[in-house]
C-alpha cells in the first residue's frame, strides 16, 4: 500500500534570483519524510521561527512546489496529479491555520465556511443532510450549532472561530489534518479544548495530525512523535517522551532549556549555546555549527545525516556517527507501533 504522503529529498528556496544567489534562503533543505496511511499518528513538527516547519507543511499539502526533490501523495507526484486526483487530495489533506480570523470573510456569516466544502466536495445530497452533517461536526469539536450558526466572525471568540476551522476540516472526512500553530492565537483556557478536539479526531476517527508549533509544551501535551527542525533541516526526531525528556541534539537541548519553570532562577535541562563564540563564521556543513557549544571540525565541513541512535530516535549529529544512518524518516517505522507511544502529558 502506498504511503499517504512522502517527501523525497525535497528542498525549497526563497529569494536570491539569478544574480544574488547568496541572498537566497533555504527554507527546506533535502528533507525526506514519510507519513504512513496504515497508522494514524499525531506528529509534531517543532522549531523556532524560520526553521522551515510551515514551508514543509505547504509542500506536503501541494500548495507550493519543491525546487528539488518530490512530494508524493499515495505514490503519485503531487505536481502531476490530474484534476480528479487533486480534488481528492484537497479533501483528504485539510489545513488548520494559525490565525482563525484571517480564514473568514467578515461580510459572510460563519455558516459560509462550513457550507463551501459541502458544495465543493459534494458531501451531502440534500439541504437537510448538509445541515445534519454540519451540526454533527460542530458538536464533535464542542460547539453548539444553535449558539454559533448565523453569526458573523467578529461575534465569536477566537477559540470558537478556531474550533469552527476544525469542524470545517472534519466535514471533509480527511485522512490527515495539517494544524499550523492552531492554538498560538487563543487564550490559555481554550488551548486544552482545541488540543483535546484534535486528539479526539485522531483516536476516534483515525485521522493523522501534523501539529506544527514552536511551543514544545503543547507538542509534549498532544503529540506521540516529534520532529525538530532547524534552518530547514531535520535535526532530531522520535517519540515525544524520549525527545523532550532526554534530548540528544544540541539544538533540541537549547529549545528544552528555554522552557520556563516556576522557579525563574532555574531552567529545565539542556545546555545553552554560546552564540558569540563562532558568530560570523560560516558553515558549509551543519547549519547549527556556529551556535553549537560542542561543534567539531567535521561539523563545519559536512552536513550530518540522520543517525538511528535508538529504535525510536534519530539524530543529525556527528557525535552519534557510530550508529546506522537512516535513509528515510518514516513515522510508522521509526516510532514503533508495538506499544503506541502516548502524548507526554498523559504519562
C-alpha atoms as a PDB file:
ATOM      1  CA  UNK A   1       0.000   0.000   0.000  1.00  0.00           C
ATOM      2  CA  UNK A   2       1.472   3.407  -0.965  1.00  0.00           C
ATOM      3  CA  UNK A   3       2.238   5.832   1.832  1.00  0.00           C
ATOM      4  CA  UNK A   4      -0.223   8.658   2.315  1.00  0.00           C
ATOM      5  CA  UNK A   5       2.375  11.422   1.887  1.00  0.00           C
ATOM      6  CA  UNK A   6       6.037  11.017   1.038  1.00  0.00           C
ATOM      7  CA  UNK A   7       8.557  13.852   0.826  1.00  0.00           C
ATOM      8  CA  UNK A   8      11.605  12.703  -1.114  1.00  0.00           C
ATOM      9  CA  UNK A   9      14.796  14.740  -0.699  1.00  0.00           C
ATOM     10  CA  UNK A  10      12.768  17.942  -1.105  1.00  0.00           C
ATOM     11  CA  UNK A  11      14.179  21.460  -0.958  1.00  0.00           C
ATOM     12  CA  UNK A  12      12.538  24.870  -1.153  1.00  0.00           C
ATOM     13  CA  UNK A  13      14.498  28.067  -1.729  1.00  0.00           C
ATOM     14  CA  UNK A  14      13.158  31.614  -1.465  1.00  0.00           C
ATOM     15  CA  UNK A  15      14.714  34.730  -2.953  1.00  0.00           C
ATOM     16  CA  UNK A  16      18.199  35.172  -4.358  1.00  0.00           C
ATOM     17  CA  UNK A  17      17.241  35.216  -8.032  1.00  0.00           C
ATOM     18  CA  UNK A  18      19.779  34.578 -10.783  1.00  0.00           C
ATOM     19  CA  UNK A  19      22.250  37.240  -9.693  1.00  0.00           C
ATOM     20  CA  UNK A  20      22.334  37.295  -5.886  1.00  0.00           C
ATOM     21  CA  UNK A  21      22.137  33.585  -5.154  1.00  0.00           C
ATOM     22  CA  UNK A  22      23.991  34.142  -1.885  1.00  0.00           C
ATOM     23  CA  UNK A  23      20.947  36.065  -0.602  1.00  0.00           C
ATOM     24  CA  UNK A  24      18.658  33.066  -1.072  1.00  0.00           C
ATOM     25  CA  UNK A  25      17.001  31.458   1.942  1.00  0.00           C
ATOM     26  CA  UNK A  26      16.872  27.670   2.025  1.00  0.00           C
ATOM     27  CA  UNK A  27      13.589  27.116   3.832  1.00  0.00           C
ATOM     28  CA  UNK A  28      13.623  23.315   3.462  1.00  0.00           C
ATOM     29  CA  UNK A  29      16.905  21.542   2.764  1.00  0.00           C
ATOM     30  CA  UNK A  30      16.785  17.999   1.330  1.00  0.00           C
ATOM     31  CA  UNK A  31      14.148  16.655   3.718  1.00  0.00           C
ATOM     32  CA  UNK A  32      12.881  13.106   3.345  1.00  0.00           C
ATOM     33  CA  UNK A  33       9.770  12.279   5.310  1.00  0.00           C
ATOM     34  CA  UNK A  34       7.066   9.610   5.092  1.00  0.00           C
ATOM     35  CA  UNK A  35       3.578   9.657   6.578  1.00  0.00           C
ATOM     36  CA  UNK A  36       2.049   6.193   6.572  1.00  0.00           C
ATOM     37  CA  UNK A  37      -1.577   5.529   5.657  1.00  0.00           C
ATOM     38  CA  UNK A  38      -1.636   2.498   7.955  1.00  0.00           C
ATOM     39  CA  UNK A  39      -1.084   4.078  11.372  1.00  0.00           C
ATOM     40  CA  UNK A  40      -2.877   7.346  12.218  1.00  0.00           C
ATOM     41  CA  UNK A  41      -0.444   9.359  14.319  1.00  0.00           C
ATOM     42  CA  UNK A  42      -0.115  12.779  15.911  1.00  0.00           C
ATOM     43  CA  UNK A  43       3.268  14.086  14.846  1.00  0.00           C
ATOM     44  CA  UNK A  44       4.590  17.455  15.945  1.00  0.00           C
ATOM     45  CA  UNK A  45       6.975  19.409  13.716  1.00  0.00           C
ATOM     46  CA  UNK A  46       8.691  21.871  16.022  1.00  0.00           C
ATOM     47  CA  UNK A  47      11.342  24.550  15.844  1.00  0.00           C
ATOM     48  CA  UNK A  48      11.885  28.252  16.212  1.00  0.00           C
ATOM     49  CA  UNK A  49      10.519  30.794  13.725  1.00  0.00           C
ATOM     50  CA  UNK A  50      12.178  30.383  10.335  1.00  0.00           C
ATOM     51  CA  UNK A  51      13.084  26.731  10.879  1.00  0.00           C
ATOM     52  CA  UNK A  52      11.110  25.616   7.817  1.00  0.00           C
ATOM     53  CA  UNK A  53       8.262  23.761   9.516  1.00  0.00           C
ATOM     54  CA  UNK A  54       5.454  25.718   7.825  1.00  0.00           C
ATOM     55  CA  UNK A  55       7.159  25.505   4.419  1.00  0.00           C
ATOM     56  CA  UNK A  56       7.426  21.734   4.855  1.00  0.00           C
ATOM     57  CA  UNK A  57       3.697  21.533   5.578  1.00  0.00           C
ATOM     58  CA  UNK A  58       2.876  23.625   2.494  1.00  0.00           C
ATOM     59  CA  UNK A  59       4.961  21.235   0.404  1.00  0.00           C
ATOM     60  CA  UNK A  60       3.083  18.289   1.888  1.00  0.00           C
ATOM     61  CA  UNK A  61      -0.259  19.900   1.033  1.00  0.00           C
ATOM     62  CA  UNK A  62       0.824  20.703  -2.522  1.00  0.00           C
ATOM     63  CA  UNK A  63       0.289  24.429  -2.010  1.00  0.00           C
ATOM     64  CA  UNK A  64       3.862  25.127  -3.118  1.00  0.00           C
ATOM     65  CA  UNK A  65       6.209  23.069  -5.279  1.00  0.00           C
ATOM     66  CA  UNK A  66       9.707  21.947  -4.260  1.00  0.00           C
ATOM     67  CA  UNK A  67      12.691  23.400  -6.111  1.00  0.00           C
ATOM     68  CA  UNK A  68      14.333  19.992  -5.850  1.00  0.00           C
ATOM     69  CA  UNK A  69      13.072  16.539  -4.958  1.00  0.00           C
ATOM     70  CA  UNK A  70       9.490  15.304  -4.983  1.00  0.00           C
ATOM     71  CA  UNK A  71       6.363  15.200  -2.856  1.00  0.00           C
ATOM     72  CA  UNK A  72       4.186  12.140  -3.440  1.00  0.00           C
ATOM     73  CA  UNK A  73       0.558  11.626  -2.472  1.00  0.00           C
ATOM     74  CA  UNK A  74      -0.455   7.950  -2.387  1.00  0.00           C
ATOM     75  CA  UNK A  75       2.550   7.183  -4.569  1.00  0.00           C
ATOM     76  CA  UNK A  76       1.831   9.899  -7.169  1.00  0.00           C
ATOM     77  CA  UNK A  77       3.835  13.079  -7.684  1.00  0.00           C
ATOM     78  CA  UNK A  78       1.595  15.924  -6.484  1.00  0.00           C
ATOM     79  CA  UNK A  79       2.753  18.100  -9.372  1.00  0.00           C
ATOM     80  CA  UNK A  80       1.413  15.507 -11.845  1.00  0.00           C
ATOM     81  CA  UNK A  81      -1.999  14.840 -10.313  1.00  0.00           C
ATOM     82  CA  UNK A  82      -4.959  15.274 -12.647  1.00  0.00           C
ATOM     83  CA  UNK A  83      -7.958  17.382 -11.613  1.00  0.00           C
ATOM     84  CA  UNK A  84      -9.867  14.482 -10.093  1.00  0.00           C
ATOM     85  CA  UNK A  85      -6.879  13.232  -8.113  1.00  0.00           C
ATOM     86  CA  UNK A  86      -6.062  16.748  -6.922  1.00  0.00           C
ATOM     87  CA  UNK A  87      -9.653  17.254  -5.726  1.00  0.00           C
ATOM     88  CA  UNK A  88      -9.496  14.024  -3.731  1.00  0.00           C
ATOM     89  CA  UNK A  89      -6.203  15.116  -2.190  1.00  0.00           C
ATOM     90  CA  UNK A  90      -7.611  18.538  -1.273  1.00  0.00           C
ATOM     91  CA  UNK A  91     -10.423  16.788   0.559  1.00  0.00           C
ATOM     92  CA  UNK A  92      -8.240  14.238   2.324  1.00  0.00           C
ATOM     93  CA  UNK A  93      -5.468  16.666   3.385  1.00  0.00           C
ATOM     94  CA  UNK A  94      -7.059  19.511   5.326  1.00  0.00           C
ATOM     95  CA  UNK A  95      -5.316  22.574   6.802  1.00  0.00           C
ATOM     96  CA  UNK A  96      -5.978  24.480  10.017  1.00  0.00           C
ATOM     97  CA  UNK A  97      -4.124  27.785  10.064  1.00  0.00           C
ATOM     98  CA  UNK A  98      -2.671  29.898  12.840  1.00  0.00           C
ATOM     99  CA  UNK A  99      -4.950  32.940  12.610  1.00  0.00           C
ATOM    100  CA  UNK A 100      -8.595  31.837  12.935  1.00  0.00           C
ATOM    101  CA  UNK A 101      -9.896  35.267  11.920  1.00  0.00           C
ATOM    102  CA  UNK A 102      -7.958  35.528   8.644  1.00  0.00           C
ATOM    103  CA  UNK A 103      -9.752  32.441   7.296  1.00  0.00           C
ATOM    104  CA  UNK A 104     -13.128  34.201   7.390  1.00  0.00           C
ATOM    105  CA  UNK A 105     -14.723  36.739   5.080  1.00  0.00           C
ATOM    106  CA  UNK A 106     -16.105  39.356   7.506  1.00  0.00           C
ATOM    107  CA  UNK A 107     -19.047  40.034   5.165  1.00  0.00           C
ATOM    108  CA  UNK A 108     -20.305  36.431   5.379  1.00  0.00           C
ATOM    109  CA  UNK A 109     -21.842  34.629   8.305  1.00  0.00           C
ATOM    110  CA  UNK A 110     -19.704  31.804   9.677  1.00  0.00           C
ATOM    111  CA  UNK A 111     -22.078  29.282   8.108  1.00  0.00           C
ATOM    112  CA  UNK A 112     -20.341  30.067   4.807  1.00  0.00           C
ATOM    113  CA  UNK A 113     -17.059  28.358   5.746  1.00  0.00           C
ATOM    114  CA  UNK A 114     -18.967  25.173   6.550  1.00  0.00           C
ATOM    115  CA  UNK A 115     -21.230  25.238   3.518  1.00  0.00           C
ATOM    116  CA  UNK A 116     -18.432  25.733   0.984  1.00  0.00           C
ATOM    117  CA  UNK A 117     -16.726  22.316   1.450  1.00  0.00           C
ATOM    118  CA  UNK A 118     -20.161  20.664   1.406  1.00  0.00           C
ATOM    119  CA  UNK A 119     -20.789  22.134  -2.050  1.00  0.00           C
ATOM    120  CA  UNK A 120     -17.264  21.793  -3.417  1.00  0.00           C
ATOM    121  CA  UNK A 121     -16.799  18.145  -2.494  1.00  0.00           C
ATOM    122  CA  UNK A 122     -20.483  17.176  -2.771  1.00  0.00           C
ATOM    123  CA  UNK A 123     -20.626  15.864   0.772  1.00  0.00           C
ATOM    124  CA  UNK A 124     -24.433  15.961   1.057  1.00  0.00           C
ATOM    125  CA  UNK A 125     -27.280  15.247  -1.332  1.00  0.00           C
ATOM    126  CA  UNK A 126     -29.935  17.399   0.303  1.00  0.00           C
ATOM    127  CA  UNK A 127     -30.071  20.584   2.335  1.00  0.00           C
ATOM    128  CA  UNK A 128     -31.318  18.650   5.357  1.00  0.00           C
ATOM    129  CA  UNK A 129     -28.404  16.222   5.098  1.00  0.00           C
ATOM    130  CA  UNK A 130     -25.967  19.135   4.804  1.00  0.00           C
ATOM    131  CA  UNK A 131     -27.421  20.699   7.961  1.00  0.00           C
ATOM    132  CA  UNK A 132     -27.134  17.404   9.835  1.00  0.00           C
ATOM    133  CA  UNK A 133     -23.514  16.877   8.757  1.00  0.00           C
ATOM    134  CA  UNK A 134     -22.548  20.437   9.736  1.00  0.00           C
ATOM    135  CA  UNK A 135     -24.189  20.171  13.150  1.00  0.00           C
ATOM    136  CA  UNK A 136     -22.523  16.801  13.836  1.00  0.00           C
ATOM    137  CA  UNK A 137     -19.078  18.153  13.002  1.00  0.00           C
ATOM    138  CA  UNK A 138     -19.631  21.195  15.229  1.00  0.00           C
ATOM    139  CA  UNK A 139     -20.752  19.069  18.157  1.00  0.00           C
ATOM    140  CA  UNK A 140     -17.686  16.878  17.650  1.00  0.00           C
ATOM    141  CA  UNK A 141     -15.447  19.857  18.491  1.00  0.00           C
ATOM    142  CA  UNK A 142     -17.574  21.125  21.370  1.00  0.00           C
ATOM    143  CA  UNK A 143     -19.620  23.821  19.628  1.00  0.00           C
ATOM    144  CA  UNK A 144     -23.379  24.322  19.939  1.00  0.00           C
ATOM    145  CA  UNK A 145     -24.857  24.931  16.467  1.00  0.00           C
ATOM    146  CA  UNK A 146     -27.796  26.976  17.789  1.00  0.00           C
ATOM    147  CA  UNK A 147     -25.425  29.400  19.526  1.00  0.00           C
ATOM    148  CA  UNK A 148     -22.882  29.624  16.707  1.00  0.00           C
ATOM    149  CA  UNK A 149     -24.536  29.439  13.297  1.00  0.00           C
ATOM    150  CA  UNK A 150     -25.966  32.636  11.865  1.00  0.00           C
ATOM    151  CA  UNK A 151     -23.315  34.855  13.428  1.00  0.00           C
ATOM    152  CA  UNK A 152     -20.588  36.925  11.828  1.00  0.00           C
ATOM    153  CA  UNK A 153     -16.920  36.143  12.576  1.00  0.00           C
ATOM    154  CA  UNK A 154     -16.440  39.170  14.850  1.00  0.00           C
ATOM    155  CA  UNK A 155     -19.295  37.960  17.018  1.00  0.00           C
ATOM    156  CA  UNK A 156     -17.402  34.818  18.009  1.00  0.00           C
ATOM    157  CA  UNK A 157     -14.377  34.408  20.233  1.00  0.00           C
ATOM    158  CA  UNK A 158     -11.019  33.350  18.820  1.00  0.00           C
ATOM    159  CA  UNK A 159     -11.478  29.909  20.317  1.00  0.00           C
ATOM    160  CA  UNK A 160     -14.899  29.493  18.699  1.00  0.00           C
ATOM    161  CA  UNK A 161     -13.529  30.596  15.318  1.00  0.00           C
ATOM    162  CA  UNK A 162     -10.655  28.131  15.557  1.00  0.00           C
ATOM    163  CA  UNK A 163     -12.937  25.267  16.573  1.00  0.00           C
ATOM    164  CA  UNK A 164     -15.101  26.091  13.565  1.00  0.00           C
ATOM    165  CA  UNK A 165     -11.992  25.620  11.421  1.00  0.00           C
ATOM    166  CA  UNK A 166     -11.503  22.192  12.993  1.00  0.00           C
ATOM    167  CA  UNK A 167     -15.173  21.404  12.295  1.00  0.00           C
ATOM    168  CA  UNK A 168     -14.758  22.545   8.680  1.00  0.00           C
ATOM    169  CA  UNK A 169     -11.795  20.213   8.259  1.00  0.00           C
ATOM    170  CA  UNK A 170     -13.749  17.375   9.858  1.00  0.00           C
ATOM    171  CA  UNK A 171     -16.587  17.805   7.341  1.00  0.00           C
ATOM    172  CA  UNK A 172     -14.295  16.607   4.561  1.00  0.00           C
ATOM    173  CA  UNK A 173     -13.550  13.292   6.276  1.00  0.00           C
ATOM    174  CA  UNK A 174      -9.807  13.873   5.909  1.00  0.00           C
ATOM    175  CA  UNK A 175      -7.007  11.368   6.240  1.00  0.00           C
ATOM    176  CA  UNK A 176      -4.643  13.969   7.666  1.00  0.00           C
ATOM    177  CA  UNK A 177      -5.007  17.445   9.175  1.00  0.00           C
ATOM    178  CA  UNK A 178      -2.157  19.948   8.903  1.00  0.00           C
ATOM    179  CA  UNK A 179      -2.560  22.090  12.019  1.00  0.00           C
ATOM    180  CA  UNK A 180      -0.187  25.067  11.782  1.00  0.00           C
ATOM    181  CA  UNK A 181       0.118  26.742  15.202  1.00  0.00           C
ATOM    182  CA  UNK A 182      -3.624  26.197  15.823  1.00  0.00           C
ATOM    183  CA  UNK A 183      -3.589  27.424  19.436  1.00  0.00           C
ATOM    184  CA  UNK A 184      -0.995  30.200  19.337  1.00  0.00           C
ATOM    185  CA  UNK A 185      -3.602  32.962  18.967  1.00  0.00           C
ATOM    186  CA  UNK A 186      -6.172  31.786  21.511  1.00  0.00           C
ATOM    187  CA  UNK A 187      -6.027  32.244  25.263  1.00  0.00           C
ATOM    188  CA  UNK A 188      -4.726  29.546  27.547  1.00  0.00           C
ATOM    189  CA  UNK A 189      -8.167  28.474  28.754  1.00  0.00           C
ATOM    190  CA  UNK A 190      -9.147  27.369  25.248  1.00  0.00           C
ATOM    191  CA  UNK A 191      -5.914  25.694  24.194  1.00  0.00           C
ATOM    192  CA  UNK A 192      -6.682  22.487  26.053  1.00  0.00           C
ATOM    193  CA  UNK A 193     -10.154  22.329  24.447  1.00  0.00           C
ATOM    194  CA  UNK A 194      -8.786  22.674  20.912  1.00  0.00           C
ATOM    195  CA  UNK A 195      -5.947  20.220  21.531  1.00  0.00           C
ATOM    196  CA  UNK A 196      -8.410  17.745  23.036  1.00  0.00           C
ATOM    197  CA  UNK A 197     -10.546  18.061  19.896  1.00  0.00           C
ATOM    198  CA  UNK A 198      -7.561  17.224  17.690  1.00  0.00           C
ATOM    199  CA  UNK A 199      -6.637  14.253  19.841  1.00  0.00           C
ATOM    200  CA  UNK A 200     -10.254  13.033  19.673  1.00  0.00           C
ATOM    201  CA  UNK A 201     -10.196  13.179  15.868  1.00  0.00           C
ATOM    202  CA  UNK A 202      -7.075  11.030  15.904  1.00  0.00           C
ATOM    203  CA  UNK A 203      -8.200   8.440  18.437  1.00  0.00           C
ATOM    204  CA  UNK A 204     -11.855   8.080  17.432  1.00  0.00           C
ATOM    205  CA  UNK A 205     -11.814   8.792  13.681  1.00  0.00           C
ATOM    206  CA  UNK A 206      -8.319   7.609  12.768  1.00  0.00           C
ATOM    207  CA  UNK A 207      -7.182  10.963  11.349  1.00  0.00           C
ATOM    208  CA  UNK A 208      -3.443  11.644  11.331  1.00  0.00           C
ATOM    209  CA  UNK A 209      -2.474  15.055  12.701  1.00  0.00           C
ATOM    210  CA  UNK A 210       0.609  17.031  11.711  1.00  0.00           C
ATOM    211  CA  UNK A 211       0.929  19.560  14.524  1.00  0.00           C
ATOM    212  CA  UNK A 212       3.244  22.433  13.599  1.00  0.00           C
ATOM    213  CA  UNK A 213       4.440  24.535  16.506  1.00  0.00           C
ATOM    214  CA  UNK A 214       7.248  26.446  18.161  1.00  0.00           C
ATOM    215  CA  UNK A 215       5.762  25.565  21.558  1.00  0.00           C
ATOM    216  CA  UNK A 216       7.294  22.371  22.935  1.00  0.00           C
ATOM    217  CA  UNK A 217       4.889  22.407  25.867  1.00  0.00           C
ATOM    218  CA  UNK A 218       1.803  21.858  23.702  1.00  0.00           C
ATOM    219  CA  UNK A 219       3.744  19.484  21.440  1.00  0.00           C
ATOM    220  CA  UNK A 220       4.546  17.394  24.508  1.00  0.00           C
ATOM    221  CA  UNK A 221       0.899  17.518  25.551  1.00  0.00           C
ATOM    222  CA  UNK A 222      -0.680  16.318  22.294  1.00  0.00           C
ATOM    223  CA  UNK A 223       1.864  14.522  20.108  1.00  0.00           C
ATOM    224  CA  UNK A 224       3.068  10.932  20.057  1.00  0.00           C
ATOM    225  CA  UNK A 225       6.055  11.705  17.854  1.00  0.00           C
ATOM    226  CA  UNK A 226       8.061  14.862  17.253  1.00  0.00           C
ATOM    227  CA  UNK A 227      10.348  16.167  14.520  1.00  0.00           C
ATOM    228  CA  UNK A 228      12.695  19.025  15.426  1.00  0.00           C
ATOM    229  CA  UNK A 229      13.740  21.316  12.565  1.00  0.00           C
ATOM    230  CA  UNK A 230      16.471  23.925  12.421  1.00  0.00           C
ATOM    231  CA  UNK A 231      17.214  26.152   9.419  1.00  0.00           C
ATOM    232  CA  UNK A 232      15.338  23.882   7.017  1.00  0.00           C
ATOM    233  CA  UNK A 233      16.868  20.616   8.258  1.00  0.00           C
ATOM    234  CA  UNK A 234      15.574  17.822  10.465  1.00  0.00           C
ATOM    235  CA  UNK A 235      17.957  17.640  13.430  1.00  0.00           C
ATOM    236  CA  UNK A 236      16.174  15.196  15.714  1.00  0.00           C
ATOM    237  CA  UNK A 237      13.065  13.030  15.699  1.00  0.00           C
ATOM    238  CA  UNK A 238      11.498  10.352  17.805  1.00  0.00           C
ATOM    239  CA  UNK A 239       8.860   9.530  20.388  1.00  0.00           C
ATOM    240  CA  UNK A 240       7.864  12.756  22.116  1.00  0.00           C
ATOM    241  CA  UNK A 241       8.652  11.415  25.595  1.00  0.00           C
ATOM    242  CA  UNK A 242      12.176  10.476  24.572  1.00  0.00           C
ATOM    243  CA  UNK A 243      12.994  13.685  22.717  1.00  0.00           C
ATOM    244  CA  UNK A 244      11.551  16.128  25.250  1.00  0.00           C
ATOM    245  CA  UNK A 245      12.692  14.332  28.382  1.00  0.00           C
ATOM    246  CA  UNK A 246      16.115  13.329  27.109  1.00  0.00           C
ATOM    247  CA  UNK A 247      17.154  15.449  24.080  1.00  0.00           C
ATOM    248  CA  UNK A 248      20.307  14.453  22.229  1.00  0.00           C
ATOM    249  CA  UNK A 249      20.882  17.125  19.590  1.00  0.00           C
ATOM    250  CA  UNK A 250      22.452  20.361  20.924  1.00  0.00           C
ATOM    251  CA  UNK A 251      19.691  22.424  19.304  1.00  0.00           C
ATOM    252  CA  UNK A 252      16.947  20.345  20.925  1.00  0.00           C
ATOM    253  CA  UNK A 253      18.685  20.826  24.255  1.00  0.00           C
ATOM    254  CA  UNK A 254      18.706  24.562  23.641  1.00  0.00           C
ATOM    255  CA  UNK A 255      14.964  24.531  22.937  1.00  0.00           C
ATOM    256  CA  UNK A 256      14.259  22.496  26.074  1.00  0.00           C
ATOM    257  CA  UNK A 257      16.396  24.823  28.199  1.00  0.00           C
ATOM    258  CA  UNK A 258      14.302  27.783  27.053  1.00  0.00           C
ATOM    259  CA  UNK A 259      11.087  26.381  28.587  1.00  0.00           C
ATOM    260  CA  UNK A 260      10.456  28.449  31.733  1.00  0.00           C
ATOM    261  CA  UNK A 261       9.855  26.859  35.112  1.00  0.00           C
ATOM    262  CA  UNK A 262       8.036  28.366  38.105  1.00  0.00           C
ATOM    263  CA  UNK A 263      11.443  28.948  39.709  1.00  0.00           C
ATOM    264  CA  UNK A 264      12.857  31.657  37.438  1.00  0.00           C
ATOM    265  CA  UNK A 265      16.392  31.085  38.717  1.00  0.00           C
ATOM    266  CA  UNK A 266      16.431  27.604  37.145  1.00  0.00           C
ATOM    267  CA  UNK A 267      15.953  26.174  33.680  1.00  0.00           C
ATOM    268  CA  UNK A 268      14.765  22.728  32.696  1.00  0.00           C
ATOM    269  CA  UNK A 269      17.719  20.680  31.483  1.00  0.00           C
ATOM    270  CA  UNK A 270      19.754  21.417  28.406  1.00  0.00           C
ATOM    271  CA  UNK A 271      22.851  23.480  27.750  1.00  0.00           C
ATOM    272  CA  UNK A 272      22.717  26.979  26.374  1.00  0.00           C
ATOM    273  CA  UNK A 273      24.548  27.702  23.158  1.00  0.00           C
ATOM    274  CA  UNK A 274      27.301  30.303  23.103  1.00  0.00           C
ATOM    275  CA  UNK A 275      26.085  32.342  20.159  1.00  0.00           C
ATOM    276  CA  UNK A 276      29.008  34.765  20.326  1.00  0.00           C
ATOM    277  CA  UNK A 277      31.837  32.234  20.217  1.00  0.00           C
ATOM    278  CA  UNK A 278      31.510  31.432  16.492  1.00  0.00           C
ATOM    279  CA  UNK A 279      29.423  34.411  15.404  1.00  0.00           C
ATOM    280  CA  UNK A 280      30.105  35.338  11.791  1.00  0.00           C
ATOM    281  CA  UNK A 281      31.812  32.073  10.924  1.00  0.00           C
ATOM    282  CA  UNK A 282      30.042  30.357   8.035  1.00  0.00           C
ATOM    283  CA  UNK A 283      29.469  26.634   7.947  1.00  0.00           C
ATOM    284  CA  UNK A 284      29.152  24.565   4.787  1.00  0.00           C
ATOM    285  CA  UNK A 285      28.191  21.572   6.906  1.00  0.00           C
ATOM    286  CA  UNK A 286      25.881  21.531   9.920  1.00  0.00           C
ATOM    287  CA  UNK A 287      23.597  24.580   9.982  1.00  0.00           C
ATOM    288  CA  UNK A 288      23.788  24.726  13.774  1.00  0.00           C
ATOM    289  CA  UNK A 289      27.592  24.707  13.975  1.00  0.00           C
ATOM    290  CA  UNK A 290      28.007  28.420  14.695  1.00  0.00           C
ATOM    291  CA  UNK A 291      25.636  28.166  17.676  1.00  0.00           C
ATOM    292  CA  UNK A 292      26.686  24.733  18.896  1.00  0.00           C
ATOM    293  CA  UNK A 293      28.719  24.505  22.123  1.00  0.00           C
ATOM    294  CA  UNK A 294      30.188  21.122  21.120  1.00  0.00           C
ATOM    295  CA  UNK A 295      30.864  21.632  17.384  1.00  0.00           C
ATOM    296  CA  UNK A 296      33.727  19.568  15.922  1.00  0.00           C
ATOM    297  CA  UNK A 297      35.855  20.251  12.842  1.00  0.00           C
ATOM    298  CA  UNK A 298      33.760  17.928  10.668  1.00  0.00           C
ATOM    299  CA  UNK A 299      30.600  19.861  11.599  1.00  0.00           C
ATOM    300  CA  UNK A 300      31.843  22.905   9.686  1.00  0.00           C
ATOM    301  CA  UNK A 301      32.605  20.936   6.534  1.00  0.00           C
ATOM    302  CA  UNK A 302      29.938  18.222   6.165  1.00  0.00           C
ATOM    303  CA  UNK A 303      26.197  18.042   6.715  1.00  0.00           C
ATOM    304  CA  UNK A 304      25.403  15.260   9.204  1.00  0.00           C
ATOM    305  CA  UNK A 305      22.905  12.570   8.169  1.00  0.00           C
ATOM    306  CA  UNK A 306      20.219  11.279  10.489  1.00  0.00           C
ATOM    307  CA  UNK A 307      21.653   8.558  12.714  1.00  0.00           C
ATOM    308  CA  UNK A 308      19.339   5.949  14.261  1.00  0.00           C
ATOM    309  CA  UNK A 309      20.574   6.180  17.835  1.00  0.00           C
ATOM    310  CA  UNK A 310      17.669   4.199  19.343  1.00  0.00           C
ATOM    311  CA  UNK A 311      14.701   2.222  17.967  1.00  0.00           C
ATOM    312  CA  UNK A 312      12.550   5.338  18.378  1.00  0.00           C
ATOM    313  CA  UNK A 313      15.139   8.087  17.864  1.00  0.00           C
ATOM    314  CA  UNK A 314      17.061   9.708  15.016  1.00  0.00           C
ATOM    315  CA  UNK A 315      19.623  12.492  15.472  1.00  0.00           C
ATOM    316  CA  UNK A 316      21.530  14.522  12.861  1.00  0.00           C
ATOM    317  CA  UNK A 317      24.780  14.955  14.766  1.00  0.00           C
ATOM    318  CA  UNK A 318      28.272  13.550  14.122  1.00  0.00           C
ATOM    319  CA  UNK A 319      28.616  12.704  17.796  1.00  0.00           C
ATOM    320  CA  UNK A 320      26.468   9.651  17.004  1.00  0.00           C
ATOM    321  CA  UNK A 321      28.299   8.523  13.854  1.00  0.00           C
ATOM    322  CA  UNK A 322      28.763   5.049  15.324  1.00  0.00           C
ATOM    323  CA  UNK A 323      25.016   4.490  14.784  1.00  0.00           C
ATOM    324  CA  UNK A 324      23.460   3.398  11.461  1.00  0.00           C
ATOM    325  CA  UNK A 325      22.372   6.091   9.008  1.00  0.00           C
ATOM    326  CA  UNK A 326      18.637   6.413   8.435  1.00  0.00           C
ATOM    327  CA  UNK A 327      17.672   6.518   4.764  1.00  0.00           C
ATOM    328  CA  UNK A 328      14.140   7.854   5.209  1.00  0.00           C
ATOM    329  CA  UNK A 329      12.309   9.469   8.109  1.00  0.00           C
ATOM    330  CA  UNK A 330       9.269   7.186   8.292  1.00  0.00           C
ATOM    331  CA  UNK A 331       6.896   7.904  11.170  1.00  0.00           C
ATOM    332  CA  UNK A 332       5.444   4.395  11.148  1.00  0.00           C
ATOM    333  CA  UNK A 333       8.864   2.724  11.036  1.00  0.00           C
ATOM    334  CA  UNK A 334      10.906   4.943  13.337  1.00  0.00           C
ATOM    335  CA  UNK A 335       8.301   5.284  16.026  1.00  0.00           C
ATOM    336  CA  UNK A 336       7.451   1.689  16.908  1.00  0.00           C
ATOM    337  CA  UNK A 337       3.748   0.885  16.938  1.00  0.00           C
ATOM    338  CA  UNK A 338       4.022  -2.276  19.051  1.00  0.00           C
ATOM    339  CA  UNK A 339       3.317  -0.178  22.097  1.00  0.00           C
ATOM    340  CA  UNK A 340       1.806   3.021  20.777  1.00  0.00           C
ATOM    341  CA  UNK A 341       3.600   5.969  22.344  1.00  0.00           C
ATOM    342  CA  UNK A 342       1.257   8.214  24.275  1.00  0.00           C
ATOM    343  CA  UNK A 343       1.435  12.005  24.419  1.00  0.00           C
ATOM    344  CA  UNK A 344       3.757  13.210  27.141  1.00  0.00           C
ATOM    345  CA  UNK A 345       1.042  14.897  29.188  1.00  0.00           C
ATOM    346  CA  UNK A 346      -0.756  11.604  29.746  1.00  0.00           C
ATOM    347  CA  UNK A 347       2.178   9.790  31.240  1.00  0.00           C
END
